[in-house]
C-alpha atoms as a PDB file:
ATOM      1  CA  MET A   1      35.178 184.494  76.390  1.00  0.00           C
ATOM      2  CA  GLY A   2      38.169 185.928  78.255  1.00  0.00           C
ATOM      3  CA  ASN A   3      37.730 183.582  81.216  1.00  0.00           C
ATOM      4  CA  GLN A   4      37.548 180.565  78.882  1.00  0.00           C
ATOM      5  CA  VAL A   5      40.843 181.567  77.244  1.00  0.00           C
ATOM      6  CA  ILE A   6      42.470 182.096  80.645  1.00  0.00           C
ATOM      7  CA  GLY A   7      41.138 178.711  81.789  1.00  0.00           C
ATOM      8  CA  LEU A   8      42.590 177.053  78.682  1.00  0.00           C
ATOM      9  CA  ILE A   9      45.975 178.702  79.282  1.00  0.00           C
ATOM     10  CA  ASN A  10      45.882 177.487  82.902  1.00  0.00           C
ATOM     11  CA  LYS A  11      45.187 173.939  81.699  1.00  0.00           C
ATOM     12  CA  PHE A  12      48.134 174.111  79.287  1.00  0.00           C
ATOM     13  CA  GLU A  13      50.344 175.354  82.143  1.00  0.00           C
ATOM     14  CA  ALA A  14      49.313 172.429  84.345  1.00  0.00           C
ATOM     15  CA  LEU A  15      49.773 169.882  81.547  1.00  0.00           C
ATOM     16  CA  LEU A  16      53.218 171.177  80.616  1.00  0.00           C
ATOM     17  CA  LYS A  17      54.233 171.334  84.283  1.00  0.00           C
ATOM     18  CA  ASN A  18      53.359 167.648  84.661  1.00  0.00           C
ATOM     19  CA  ILE A  19      55.233 166.703  81.483  1.00  0.00           C
ATOM     20  CA  ALA A  20      58.261 168.708  82.702  1.00  0.00           C
ATOM     21  CA  ALA A  21      58.094 166.899  86.057  1.00  0.00           C
ATOM     22  CA  VAL A  22      58.080 163.513  84.305  1.00  0.00           C
ATOM     23  CA  CYS A  23      61.073 164.627  82.207  1.00  0.00           C
ATOM     24  CA  LEU A  24      62.932 165.701  85.351  1.00  0.00           C
ATOM     25  CA  ILE A  25      62.225 162.374  87.061  1.00  0.00           C
ATOM     26  CA  GLY A  26      63.316 160.574  83.884  1.00  0.00           C
ATOM     27  CA  MET A  27      66.604 162.497  83.880  1.00  0.00           C
ATOM     28  CA  ALA A  28      67.272 161.518  87.485  1.00  0.00           C
ATOM     29  CA  LEU A  29      66.387 157.860  86.936  1.00  0.00           C
ATOM     30  CA  LEU A  30      68.424 157.578  83.747  1.00  0.00           C
ATOM     31  CA  THR A  31      71.443 159.259  85.304  1.00  0.00           C
ATOM     32  CA  GLY A  32      71.217 156.996  88.360  1.00  0.00           C
ATOM     33  CA  ALA A  33      70.828 153.905  86.197  1.00  0.00           C
ATOM     34  CA  ASP A  34      73.819 154.934  84.086  1.00  0.00           C
ATOM     35  CA  ILE A  35      75.958 155.410  87.196  1.00  0.00           C
ATOM     36  CA  LEU A  36      74.906 152.012  88.530  1.00  0.00           C
ATOM     37  CA  SER A  37      75.531 150.397  85.158  1.00  0.00           C
ATOM     38  CA  ARG A  38      78.999 151.906  84.959  1.00  0.00           C
ATOM     39  CA  GLY A  39      79.821 150.826  88.522  1.00  0.00           C
ATOM     40  CA  ALA A  40      78.283 147.358  88.573  1.00  0.00           C
ATOM     41  CA  LEU A  41      78.605 146.246  84.959  1.00  0.00           C
ATOM     42  CA  ASP A  42      81.511 148.480  83.903  1.00  0.00           C
ATOM     43  CA  THR A  43      79.515 149.653  80.876  1.00  0.00           C
ATOM     44  CA  PRO A  44      77.460 152.803  80.299  1.00  0.00           C
ATOM     45  CA  ILE A  45      73.904 152.825  78.999  1.00  0.00           C
ATOM     46  CA  PHE A  46      74.086 153.519  75.262  1.00  0.00           C
ATOM     47  CA  GLY A  47      72.704 156.937  74.311  1.00  0.00           C
ATOM     48  CA  VAL A  48      71.937 158.132  77.822  1.00  0.00           C
ATOM     49  CA  GLU A  49      73.645 161.485  77.115  1.00  0.00           C
ATOM     50  CA  ASP A  50      71.301 162.152  74.186  1.00  0.00           C
ATOM     51  CA  ILE A  51      68.205 161.245  76.158  1.00  0.00           C
ATOM     52  CA  VAL A  52      69.201 163.270  79.242  1.00  0.00           C
ATOM     53  CA  ALA A  53      70.004 166.296  77.060  1.00  0.00           C
ATOM     54  CA  VAL A  54      66.593 166.088  75.391  1.00  0.00           C
ATOM     55  CA  LEU A  55      64.860 165.682  78.759  1.00  0.00           C
ATOM     56  CA  ALA A  56      66.767 168.679  80.166  1.00  0.00           C
ATOM     57  CA  VAL A  57      65.650 170.867  77.274  1.00  0.00           C
ATOM     58  CA  LEU A  58      62.055 169.709  77.664  1.00  0.00           C
ATOM     59  CA  THR A  59      62.097 170.177  81.441  1.00  0.00           C
ATOM     60  CA  THR A  60      63.287 173.746  81.128  1.00  0.00           C
ATOM     61  CA  GLY A  61      61.172 174.773  78.165  1.00  0.00           C
ATOM     62  CA  LEU A  62      57.916 173.218  79.288  1.00  0.00           C
ATOM     63  CA  ALA A  63      58.086 174.507  82.863  1.00  0.00           C
ATOM     64  CA  LEU A  64      58.496 178.190  81.914  1.00  0.00           C
ATOM     65  CA  GLY A  65      54.786 179.050  81.820  1.00  0.00           C
ATOM     66  CA  TYR A  66      54.030 177.417  85.142  1.00  0.00           C
ATOM     67  CA  ALA A  67      57.067 179.032  86.792  1.00  0.00           C
ATOM     68  CA  GLU A  68      55.882 182.426  85.556  1.00  0.00           C
ATOM     69  CA  SER A  69      52.326 181.911  86.794  1.00  0.00           C
ATOM     70  CA  GLN A  70      53.685 180.906  90.215  1.00  0.00           C
ATOM     71  CA  LYS A  71      56.012 183.946  90.286  1.00  0.00           C
ATOM     72  CA  ALA A  72      58.996 181.631  90.676  1.00  0.00           C
ATOM     73  CA  ASN A  73      61.154 183.971  88.625  1.00  0.00           C
ATOM     74  CA  ILE A  74      63.827 186.352  89.842  1.00  0.00           C
ATOM     75  CA  GLY A  75      62.905 190.008  90.190  1.00  0.00           C
ATOM     76  CA  VAL A  76      64.535 193.196  91.360  1.00  0.00           C
ATOM     77  CA  GLU A  77      62.315 193.531  94.406  1.00  0.00           C
ATOM     78  CA  PHE A  78      64.355 196.126  96.289  1.00  0.00           C
ATOM     79  CA  LEU A  79      63.902 198.863  93.701  1.00  0.00           C
ATOM     80  CA  TYR A  80      60.408 197.714  92.823  1.00  0.00           C
ATOM     81  CA  SER A  81      59.227 197.839  96.445  1.00  0.00           C
ATOM     82  CA  LYS A  82      60.297 201.500  96.742  1.00  0.00           C
ATOM     83  CA  MET A  83      57.868 202.552  93.992  1.00  0.00           C
ATOM     84  CA  ASN A  84      54.274 203.631  94.593  1.00  0.00           C
ATOM     85  CA  ALA A  85      51.436 201.369  93.411  1.00  0.00           C
ATOM     86  CA  ARG A  86      50.754 203.302  90.192  1.00  0.00           C
ATOM     87  CA  THR A  87      54.416 203.284  89.155  1.00  0.00           C
ATOM     88  CA  ARG A  88      54.713 199.561  89.963  1.00  0.00           C
ATOM     89  CA  ARG A  89      51.664 198.837  87.799  1.00  0.00           C
ATOM     90  CA  THR A  90      53.080 200.913  84.920  1.00  0.00           C
ATOM     91  CA  VAL A  91      56.457 199.186  85.172  1.00  0.00           C
ATOM     92  CA  LYS A  92      54.753 195.787  85.297  1.00  0.00           C
ATOM     93  CA  ILE A  93      52.667 196.592  82.206  1.00  0.00           C
ATOM     94  CA  CYS A  94      55.762 197.778  80.304  1.00  0.00           C
ATOM     95  CA  THR A  95      57.956 194.818  81.272  1.00  0.00           C
ATOM     96  CA  THR A  96      55.211 192.280  80.631  1.00  0.00           C
ATOM     97  CA  SER A  97      54.433 193.851  77.235  1.00  0.00           C
ATOM     98  CA  LEU A  98      58.106 193.721  76.274  1.00  0.00           C
ATOM     99  CA  SER A  99      58.306 190.128  77.508  1.00  0.00           C
ATOM    100  CA  VAL A 100      55.285 189.123  75.409  1.00  0.00           C
ATOM    101  CA  ALA A 101      56.920 190.682  72.343  1.00  0.00           C
ATOM    102  CA  LEU A 102      60.329 189.131  73.043  1.00  0.00           C
ATOM    103  CA  PHE A 103      59.089 185.615  73.786  1.00  0.00           C
ATOM    104  CA  GLY A 104      56.607 185.786  70.903  1.00  0.00           C
ATOM    105  CA  LEU A 105      59.607 186.488  68.677  1.00  0.00           C
ATOM    106  CA  VAL A 106      61.600 183.669  70.310  1.00  0.00           C
ATOM    107  CA  THR A 107      58.681 181.274  69.728  1.00  0.00           C
ATOM    108  CA  TRP A 108      58.427 182.251  66.079  1.00  0.00           C
ATOM    109  CA  ARG A 109      62.198 181.925  65.530  1.00  0.00           C
ATOM    110  CA  LEU A 110      62.269 178.544  67.293  1.00  0.00           C
ATOM    111  CA  TYR A 111      59.521 177.359  64.967  1.00  0.00           C
ATOM    112  CA  LEU A 112      61.520 178.491  61.919  1.00  0.00           C
ATOM    113  CA  TYR A 113      64.629 176.834  63.349  1.00  0.00           C
ATOM    114  CA  GLY A 114      62.690 173.586  63.843  1.00  0.00           C
ATOM    115  CA  CYS A 115      61.529 173.773  60.218  1.00  0.00           C
ATOM    116  CA  SER A 116      65.102 174.220  58.999  1.00  0.00           C
ATOM    117  CA  MET A 117      66.245 171.272  61.147  1.00  0.00           C
ATOM    118  CA  ARG A 118      63.466 169.142  59.683  1.00  0.00           C
ATOM    119  CA  GLU A 119      64.487 170.081  56.138  1.00  0.00           C
ATOM    120  CA  SER A 120      68.139 169.266  56.813  1.00  0.00           C
ATOM    121  CA  GLY A 121      67.309 165.984  58.578  1.00  0.00           C
ATOM    122  CA  GLU A 122      69.455 166.857  61.604  1.00  0.00           C
ATOM    123  CA  VAL A 123      69.651 164.084  64.231  1.00  0.00           C
ATOM    124  CA  SER A 124      71.377 163.601  67.597  1.00  0.00           C
ATOM    125  CA  MET A 125      74.850 162.087  67.604  1.00  0.00           C
ATOM    126  CA  THR A 126      74.426 158.763  69.349  1.00  0.00           C
ATOM    127  CA  LEU A 127      70.809 157.652  68.985  1.00  0.00           C
ATOM    128  CA  GLU A 128      70.094 159.679  65.850  1.00  0.00           C
ATOM    129  CA  LEU A 129      66.935 161.182  67.371  1.00  0.00           C
ATOM    130  CA  PRO A 130      65.349 163.836  65.128  1.00  0.00           C
ATOM    131  CA  THR A 131      66.248 167.195  66.689  1.00  0.00           C
ATOM    132  CA  ASP A 132      63.371 169.013  65.017  1.00  0.00           C
ATOM    133  CA  MET A 133      60.852 167.258  67.287  1.00  0.00           C
ATOM    134  CA  VAL A 134      62.658 168.512  70.388  1.00  0.00           C
ATOM    135  CA  ILE A 135      62.777 172.019  68.942  1.00  0.00           C
ATOM    136  CA  PHE A 136      59.057 171.908  68.130  1.00  0.00           C
ATOM    137  CA  ALA A 137      58.283 170.748  71.693  1.00  0.00           C
ATOM    138  CA  LEU A 138      60.397 173.618  72.991  1.00  0.00           C
ATOM    139  CA  THR A 139      58.549 175.968  70.627  1.00  0.00           C
ATOM    140  CA  PHE A 140      55.256 174.797  72.111  1.00  0.00           C
ATOM    141  CA  GLY A 141      56.590 175.412  75.637  1.00  0.00           C
ATOM    142  CA  PHE A 142      57.737 178.918  74.736  1.00  0.00           C
ATOM    143  CA  GLY A 143      54.412 179.564  73.004  1.00  0.00           C
ATOM    144  CA  CYS A 144      52.537 178.614  76.165  1.00  0.00           C
ATOM    145  CA  PHE A 145      54.923 180.788  78.190  1.00  0.00           C
ATOM    146  CA  THR A 146      54.094 183.702  75.880  1.00  0.00           C
ATOM    147  CA  LEU A 147      50.390 183.018  76.385  1.00  0.00           C
ATOM    148  CA  THR A 148      50.930 183.023  80.160  1.00  0.00           C
ATOM    149  CA  LEU A 149      52.591 186.429  79.890  1.00  0.00           C
ATOM    150  CA  LEU A 150      49.726 187.637  77.699  1.00  0.00           C
ATOM    151  CA  LYS A 151      47.249 186.376  80.303  1.00  0.00           C
ATOM    152  CA  GLU A 152      49.097 188.378  82.970  1.00  0.00           C
ATOM    153  CA  LEU A 153      49.025 191.465  80.760  1.00  0.00           C
ATOM    154  CA  ILE A 154      45.265 191.130  80.234  1.00  0.00           C
ATOM    155  CA  MET A 155      44.797 190.722  83.991  1.00  0.00           C
ATOM    156  CA  LEU A 156      46.910 193.852  84.605  1.00  0.00           C
ATOM    157  CA  PHE A 157      44.756 195.888  82.236  1.00  0.00           C
ATOM    158  CA  LYS A 158      41.639 194.529  83.968  1.00  0.00           C
ATOM    159  CA  GLY A 159      43.048 195.686  87.309  1.00  0.00           C
ATOM    160  CA  GLU A 160      43.658 192.159  88.627  1.00  0.00           C
ATOM    161  CA  GLU A 161      47.098 191.063  89.795  1.00  0.00           C
END
């Protein structure tokens, strides 16, 4: 059972990483096309700011879980490396537990925020894109990030790192 859940979390990480990569490429292509359009045709692409902002949010939010699983985050290694193995494990369990709680709370609050945006009918300025959909996508990314942290916590308790 536990390995199936971990496998499912790993699949979500890979899927969201690929979506984030597509969003990042889309940001670069749209920005380049807008620059070319402004230079060659003396006119910007309508709504490119809205689309790039949405893609930036999605890139960041959806890549969190994968970045965590790859240990691509910033840590205080100097102090951490001076600790013995047992202390490092205890610190890791405490920080990961706090992170699960914090990002679980962030996920829940993002969901509530998305619901309030849906109720109010909030849209982006130029293209009038519904902002609640972006917030719900970000909520999903943070939820998967929380699951990645939970997976790491389970692995720590199992003695795997």
